[in-house]
Amino acid sequence: MAISSLTPRETEILELVVQGMYNKEIAHHLGIKYSTVKNHLTVIFRKLGVTSRTQAALYAVQHKEDRRAF
């Protein structure tokens, strides 16, 4: 799949991962639970076909033309 398949919230979380934020920081920044961030990342990984936040961030940077909110 592609970044364009991500929801706006998933895109927002991926953007924060690209910026180097940890899950707890993302949760605090967005006002959501830590577990919700983890759930979103699991879905993001599946949609992008990656297995880690580093791979997801790298994918996002390499496919920046597909990004809607970055």
PDB file of N, CA and C in Angstrom:
ATOM      1  N   MET A   1       0.840  -1.186   0.000  1.00  0.00           N
ATOM      2  CA  MET A   1       0.000   0.000   0.000  1.00  0.00           C
ATOM      3  C   MET A   1       0.881   1.243   0.000  1.00  0.00           C
ATOM      4  N   ALA A   2       0.221   2.381  -0.020  1.00  0.00           N
ATOM      5  CA  ALA A   2       0.958   3.635  -0.082  1.00  0.00           C
ATOM      6  C   ALA A   2       0.549   4.560   1.053  1.00  0.00           C
ATOM      7  N   ILE A   3       1.329   5.578   1.218  1.00  0.00           N
ATOM      8  CA  ILE A   3       1.028   6.564   2.253  1.00  0.00           C
ATOM      9  C   ILE A   3      -0.355   7.161   2.043  1.00  0.00           C
ATOM     10  N   SER A   4      -0.772   7.263   0.791  1.00  0.00           N
ATOM     11  CA  SER A   4      -2.093   7.833   0.518  1.00  0.00           C
ATOM     12  C   SER A   4      -3.224   6.986   1.103  1.00  0.00           C
ATOM     13  N   SER A   5      -2.927   5.740   1.500  1.00  0.00           N
ATOM     14  CA  SER A   5      -3.950   4.884   2.103  1.00  0.00           C
ATOM     15  C   SER A   5      -4.127   5.160   3.597  1.00  0.00           C
ATOM     16  N   LEU A   6      -3.250   5.981   4.165  1.00  0.00           N
ATOM     17  CA  LEU A   6      -3.346   6.296   5.590  1.00  0.00           C
ATOM     18  C   LEU A   6      -4.461   7.295   5.853  1.00  0.00           C
ATOM     19  N   THR A   7      -5.079   7.168   7.018  1.00  0.00           N
ATOM     20  CA  THR A   7      -6.085   8.144   7.437  1.00  0.00           C
ATOM     21  C   THR A   7      -5.372   9.434   7.829  1.00  0.00           C
ATOM     22  N   PRO A   8      -6.109  10.531   7.945  1.00  0.00           N
ATOM     23  CA  PRO A   8      -5.472  11.774   8.396  1.00  0.00           C
ATOM     24  C   PRO A   8      -4.756  11.621   9.741  1.00  0.00           C
ATOM     25  N   ARG A   9      -5.328  10.893  10.696  1.00  0.00           N
ATOM     26  CA  ARG A   9      -4.693  10.703  12.002  1.00  0.00           C
ATOM     27  C   ARG A   9      -3.430   9.860  11.871  1.00  0.00           C
ATOM     28  N   GLU A  10      -3.491   8.812  11.057  1.00  0.00           N
ATOM     29  CA  GLU A  10      -2.311   7.990  10.841  1.00  0.00           C
ATOM     30  C   GLU A  10      -1.197   8.801  10.185  1.00  0.00           C
ATOM     31  N   THR A  11      -1.562   9.640   9.235  1.00  0.00           N
ATOM     32  CA  THR A  11      -0.588  10.510   8.580  1.00  0.00           C
ATOM     33  C   THR A  11       0.036  11.463   9.585  1.00  0.00           C
ATOM     34  N   GLU A  12      -0.786  12.007  10.468  1.00  0.00           N
ATOM     35  CA  GLU A  12      -0.306  12.920  11.501  1.00  0.00           C
ATOM     36  C   GLU A  12       0.692  12.208  12.430  1.00  0.00           C
ATOM     37  N   ILE A  13       0.371  11.001  12.820  1.00  0.00           N
ATOM     38  CA  ILE A  13       1.256  10.233  13.695  1.00  0.00           C
ATOM     39  C   ILE A  13       2.552   9.886  12.968  1.00  0.00           C
ATOM     40  N   LEU A  14       2.461   9.496  11.724  1.00  0.00           N
ATOM     41  CA  LEU A  14       3.666   9.191  10.954  1.00  0.00           C
ATOM     42  C   LEU A  14       4.547  10.434  10.821  1.00  0.00           C
ATOM     43  N   GLU A  15       3.952  11.576  10.635  1.00  0.00           N
ATOM     44  CA  GLU A  15       4.711  12.823  10.560  1.00  0.00           C
ATOM     45  C   GLU A  15       5.497  13.051  11.850  1.00  0.00           C
ATOM     46  N   LEU A  16       4.870  12.790  12.982  1.00  0.00           N
ATOM     47  CA  LEU A  16       5.533  12.977  14.268  1.00  0.00           C
ATOM     48  C   LEU A  16       6.648  11.950  14.471  1.00  0.00           C
ATOM     49  N   VAL A  17       6.464  10.742  13.949  1.00  0.00           N
ATOM     50  CA  VAL A  17       7.517   9.730  13.990  1.00  0.00           C
ATOM     51  C   VAL A  17       8.710  10.213  13.155  1.00  0.00           C
ATOM     52  N   VAL A  18       8.433  10.748  11.978  1.00  0.00           N
ATOM     53  CA  VAL A  18       9.490  11.287  11.110  1.00  0.00           C
ATOM     54  C   VAL A  18      10.258  12.396  11.828  1.00  0.00           C
ATOM     55  N   GLN A  19       9.548  13.180  12.636  1.00  0.00           N
ATOM     56  CA  GLN A  19      10.184  14.262  13.381  1.00  0.00           C
ATOM     57  C   GLN A  19      10.999  13.753  14.572  1.00  0.00           C
ATOM     58  N   GLY A  20      10.905  12.451  14.859  1.00  0.00           N
ATOM     59  CA  GLY A  20      11.704  11.848  15.914  1.00  0.00           C
ATOM     60  C   GLY A  20      11.019  11.709  17.259  1.00  0.00           C
ATOM     61  N   MET A  21       9.717  11.933  17.305  1.00  0.00           N
ATOM     62  CA  MET A  21       8.998  11.806  18.576  1.00  0.00           C
ATOM     63  C   MET A  21       8.802  10.344  18.956  1.00  0.00           C
ATOM     64  N   TYR A  22       8.888  10.075  20.251  1.00  0.00           N
ATOM     65  CA  TYR A  22       8.585   8.761  20.806  1.00  0.00           C
ATOM     66  C   TYR A  22       7.076   8.628  21.000  1.00  0.00           C
ATOM     67  N   ASN A  23       6.605   7.399  21.194  1.00  0.00           N
ATOM     68  CA  ASN A  23       5.168   7.161  21.346  1.00  0.00           C
ATOM     69  C   ASN A  23       4.548   7.992  22.469  1.00  0.00           C
ATOM     70  N   LYS A  24       5.227   8.057  23.608  1.00  0.00           N
ATOM     71  CA  LYS A  24       4.684   8.833  24.736  1.00  0.00           C
ATOM     72  C   LYS A  24       4.588  10.306  24.388  1.00  0.00           C
ATOM     73  N   GLU A  25       5.578  10.815  23.677  1.00  0.00           N
ATOM     74  CA  GLU A  25       5.551  12.217  23.261  1.00  0.00           C
ATOM     75  C   GLU A  25       4.411  12.468  22.276  1.00  0.00           C
ATOM     76  N   ILE A  26       4.216  11.542  21.359  1.00  0.00           N
ATOM     77  CA  ILE A  26       3.129  11.666  20.385  1.00  0.00           C
ATOM     78  C   ILE A  26       1.787  11.672  21.109  1.00  0.00           C
ATOM     79  N   ALA A  27       1.615  10.759  22.042  1.00  0.00           N
ATOM     80  CA  ALA A  27       0.369  10.683  22.807  1.00  0.00           C
ATOM     81  C   ALA A  27       0.101  11.996  23.530  1.00  0.00           C
ATOM     82  N   HIS A  28       1.111  12.520  24.189  1.00  0.00           N
ATOM     83  CA  HIS A  28       0.949  13.791  24.917  1.00  0.00           C
ATOM     84  C   HIS A  28       0.643  14.932  23.943  1.00  0.00           C
ATOM     85  N   HIS A  29       1.378  14.996  22.843  1.00  0.00           N
ATOM     86  CA  HIS A  29       1.210  16.058  21.849  1.00  0.00           C
ATOM     87  C   HIS A  29      -0.199  16.065  21.257  1.00  0.00           C
ATOM     88  N   LEU A  30      -0.742  14.871  21.008  1.00  0.00           N
ATOM     89  CA  LEU A  30      -2.063  14.766  20.373  1.00  0.00           C
ATOM     90  C   LEU A  30      -3.204  14.646  21.384  1.00  0.00           C
ATOM     91  N   GLY A  31      -2.859  14.475  22.659  1.00  0.00           N
ATOM     92  CA  GLY A  31      -3.896  14.336  23.677  1.00  0.00           C
ATOM     93  C   GLY A  31      -4.641  13.017  23.585  1.00  0.00           C
ATOM     94  N   ILE A  32      -3.910  11.958  23.221  1.00  0.00           N
ATOM     95  CA  ILE A  32      -4.514  10.633  23.133  1.00  0.00           C
ATOM     96  C   ILE A  32      -3.703   9.676  24.003  1.00  0.00           C
ATOM     97  N   LYS A  33      -4.217   8.475  24.194  1.00  0.00           N
ATOM     98  CA  LYS A  33      -3.546   7.488  25.025  1.00  0.00           C
ATOM     99  C   LYS A  33      -2.351   6.882  24.296  1.00  0.00           C
ATOM    100  N   TYR A  34      -1.369   6.492  25.097  1.00  0.00           N
ATOM    101  CA  TYR A  34      -0.184   5.811  24.586  1.00  0.00           C
ATOM    102  C   TYR A  34      -0.587   4.562  23.795  1.00  0.00           C
ATOM    103  N   SER A  35      -1.540   3.808  24.320  1.00  0.00           N
ATOM    104  CA  SER A  35      -1.985   2.586  23.643  1.00  0.00           C
ATOM    105  C   SER A  35      -2.630   2.888  22.294  1.00  0.00           C
ATOM    106  N   THR A  36      -3.271   4.038  22.181  1.00  0.00           N
ATOM    107  CA  THR A  36      -3.881   4.436  20.911  1.00  0.00           C
ATOM    108  C   THR A  36      -2.799   4.717  19.873  1.00  0.00           C
ATOM    109  N   VAL A  37      -1.725   5.352  20.299  1.00  0.00           N
ATOM    110  CA  VAL A  37      -0.600   5.605  19.395  1.00  0.00           C
ATOM    111  C   VAL A  37      -0.031   4.279  18.916  1.00  0.00           C
ATOM    112  N   LYS A  38       0.163   3.334  19.830  1.00  0.00           N
ATOM    113  CA  LYS A  38       0.697   2.025  19.460  1.00  0.00           C
ATOM    114  C   LYS A  38      -0.225   1.322  18.460  1.00  0.00           C
ATOM    115  N   ASN A  39      -1.533   1.416  18.693  1.00  0.00           N
ATOM    116  CA  ASN A  39      -2.489   0.804  17.763  1.00  0.00           C
ATOM    117  C   ASN A  39      -2.400   1.437  16.385  1.00  0.00           C
ATOM    118  N   HIS A  40      -2.329   2.764  16.337  1.00  0.00           N
ATOM    119  CA  HIS A  40      -2.200   3.461  15.055  1.00  0.00           C
ATOM    120  C   HIS A  40      -0.919   3.037  14.344  1.00  0.00           C
ATOM    121  N   LEU A  41       0.178   2.934  15.080  1.00  0.00           N
ATOM    122  CA  LEU A  41       1.442   2.542  14.462  1.00  0.00           C
ATOM    123  C   LEU A  41       1.380   1.126  13.904  1.00  0.00           C
ATOM    124  N   THR A  42       0.699   0.236  14.589  1.00  0.00           N
ATOM    125  CA  THR A  42       0.532  -1.124  14.084  1.00  0.00           C
ATOM    126  C   THR A  42      -0.173  -1.111  12.737  1.00  0.00           C
ATOM    127  N   VAL A  43      -1.212  -0.308  12.628  1.00  0.00           N
ATOM    128  CA  VAL A  43      -1.956  -0.195  11.369  1.00  0.00           C
ATOM    129  C   VAL A  43      -1.086   0.453  10.291  1.00  0.00           C
ATOM    130  N   ILE A  44      -0.354   1.498  10.665  1.00  0.00           N
ATOM    131  CA  ILE A  44       0.542   2.180   9.722  1.00  0.00           C
ATOM    132  C   ILE A  44       1.576   1.195   9.186  1.00  0.00           C
ATOM    133  N   PHE A  45       2.198   0.422  10.075  1.00  0.00           N
ATOM    134  CA  PHE A  45       3.196  -0.552   9.650  1.00  0.00           C
ATOM    135  C   PHE A  45       2.600  -1.535   8.654  1.00  0.00           C
ATOM    136  N   ARG A  46       1.398  -2.029   8.971  1.00  0.00           N
ATOM    137  CA  ARG A  46       0.745  -2.989   8.079  1.00  0.00           C
ATOM    138  C   ARG A  46       0.473  -2.366   6.715  1.00  0.00           C
ATOM    139  N   LYS A  47      -0.072  -1.151   6.711  1.00  0.00           N
ATOM    140  CA  LYS A  47      -0.412  -0.490   5.448  1.00  0.00           C
ATOM    141  C   LYS A  47       0.829  -0.197   4.607  1.00  0.00           C
ATOM    142  N   LEU A  48       1.934   0.128   5.246  1.00  0.00           N
ATOM    143  CA  LEU A  48       3.155   0.466   4.512  1.00  0.00           C
ATOM    144  C   LEU A  48       4.038  -0.750   4.240  1.00  0.00           C
ATOM    145  N   GLY A  49       3.717  -1.880   4.861  1.00  0.00           N
ATOM    146  CA  GLY A  49       4.504  -3.085   4.665  1.00  0.00           C
ATOM    147  C   GLY A  49       5.864  -3.020   5.333  1.00  0.00           C
ATOM    148  N   VAL A  50       5.910  -2.380   6.503  1.00  0.00           N
ATOM    149  CA  VAL A  50       7.162  -2.262   7.261  1.00  0.00           C
ATOM    150  C   VAL A  50       6.977  -2.902   8.632  1.00  0.00           C
ATOM    151  N   THR A  51       8.093  -3.051   9.365  1.00  0.00           N
ATOM    152  CA  THR A  51       8.008  -3.710  10.671  1.00  0.00           C
ATOM    153  C   THR A  51       8.529  -2.864  11.826  1.00  0.00           C
ATOM    154  N   SER A  52       8.955  -1.632  11.542  1.00  0.00           N
ATOM    155  CA  SER A  52       9.472  -0.790  12.620  1.00  0.00           C
ATOM    156  C   SER A  52       9.204   0.683  12.336  1.00  0.00           C
ATOM    157  N   ARG A  53       9.321   1.486  13.379  1.00  0.00           N
ATOM    158  CA  ARG A  53       9.117   2.932  13.216  1.00  0.00           C
ATOM    159  C   ARG A  53      10.211   3.524  12.348  1.00  0.00           C
ATOM    160  N   THR A  54      11.433   2.982  12.420  1.00  0.00           N
ATOM    161  CA  THR A  54      12.519   3.473  11.571  1.00  0.00           C
ATOM    162  C   THR A  54      12.209   3.222  10.109  1.00  0.00           C
ATOM    163  N   GLN A  55      11.737   2.026   9.805  1.00  0.00           N
ATOM    164  CA  GLN A  55      11.361   1.707   8.428  1.00  0.00           C
ATOM    165  C   GLN A  55      10.206   2.580   7.960  1.00  0.00           C
ATOM    166  N   ALA A  56       9.237   2.831   8.847  1.00  0.00           N
ATOM    167  CA  ALA A  56       8.094   3.671   8.497  1.00  0.00           C
ATOM    168  C   ALA A  56       8.553   5.101   8.203  1.00  0.00           C
ATOM    169  N   ALA A  57       9.438   5.625   9.033  1.00  0.00           N
ATOM    170  CA  ALA A  57       9.948   6.983   8.824  1.00  0.00           C
ATOM    171  C   ALA A  57      10.733   7.067   7.520  1.00  0.00           C
ATOM    172  N   LEU A  58      11.558   6.067   7.270  1.00  0.00           N
ATOM    173  CA  LEU A  58      12.336   6.034   6.037  1.00  0.00           C
ATOM    174  C   LEU A  58      11.421   5.954   4.825  1.00  0.00           C
ATOM    175  N   TYR A  59      10.405   5.116   4.904  1.00  0.00           N
ATOM    176  CA  TYR A  59       9.429   4.997   3.819  1.00  0.00           C
ATOM    177  C   TYR A  59       8.767   6.351   3.555  1.00  0.00           C
ATOM    178  N   ALA A  60       8.374   7.034   4.633  1.00  0.00           N
ATOM    179  CA  ALA A  60       7.707   8.335   4.496  1.00  0.00           C
ATOM    180  C   ALA A  60       8.617   9.355   3.826  1.00  0.00           C
ATOM    181  N   VAL A  61       9.880   9.370   4.212  1.00  0.00           N
ATOM    182  CA  VAL A  61      10.829  10.322   3.623  1.00  0.00           C
ATOM    183  C   VAL A  61      11.069   9.986   2.149  1.00  0.00           C
ATOM    184  N   GLN A  62      11.191   8.711   1.842  1.00  0.00           N
ATOM    185  CA  GLN A  62      11.446   8.294   0.461  1.00  0.00           C
ATOM    186  C   GLN A  62      10.237   8.510  -0.451  1.00  0.00           C
ATOM    187  N   HIS A  63       9.043   8.539   0.127  1.00  0.00           N
ATOM    188  CA  HIS A  63       7.820   8.713  -0.664  1.00  0.00           C
ATOM    189  C   HIS A  63       7.141  10.033  -0.335  1.00  0.00           C
ATOM    190  N   LYS A  64       7.939  11.057  -0.093  1.00  0.00           N
ATOM    191  CA  LYS A  64       7.380  12.331   0.353  1.00  0.00           C
ATOM    192  C   LYS A  64       6.405  12.940  -0.645  1.00  0.00           C
ATOM    193  N   GLU A  65       6.518  12.605  -1.919  1.00  0.00           N
ATOM    194  CA  GLU A  65       5.580  13.153  -2.901  1.00  0.00           C
ATOM    195  C   GLU A  65       4.165  12.615  -2.689  1.00  0.00           C
ATOM    196  N   ASP A  66       4.047  11.483  -1.995  1.00  0.00           N
ATOM    197  CA  ASP A  66       2.741  10.886  -1.727  1.00  0.00           C
ATOM    198  C   ASP A  66       2.117  11.416  -0.442  1.00  0.00           C
ATOM    199  N   ARG A  67       2.896  12.145   0.349  1.00  0.00           N
ATOM    200  CA  ARG A  67       2.415  12.574   1.660  1.00  0.00           C
ATOM    201  C   ARG A  67       1.467  13.762   1.510  1.00  0.00           C
ATOM    202  N   ARG A  68       0.363  13.680   2.249  1.00  0.00           N
ATOM    203  CA  ARG A  68      -0.642  14.742   2.198  1.00  0.00           C
ATOM    204  C   ARG A  68      -0.364  15.837   3.212  1.00  0.00           C
ATOM    205  N   ALA A  69       0.124  15.473   4.390  1.00  0.00           N
ATOM    206  CA  ALA A  69       0.182  16.444   5.480  1.00  0.00           C
ATOM    207  C   ALA A  69       1.597  16.777   5.928  1.00  0.00           C
ATOM    208  N   PHE A  70       2.610  16.306   5.232  1.00  0.00           N
ATOM    209  CA  PHE A  70       3.981  16.561   5.682  1.00  0.00           C
ATOM    210  C   PHE A  70       4.497  17.865   5.150  1.00  0.00           C
TER     211      PHE A  70
END
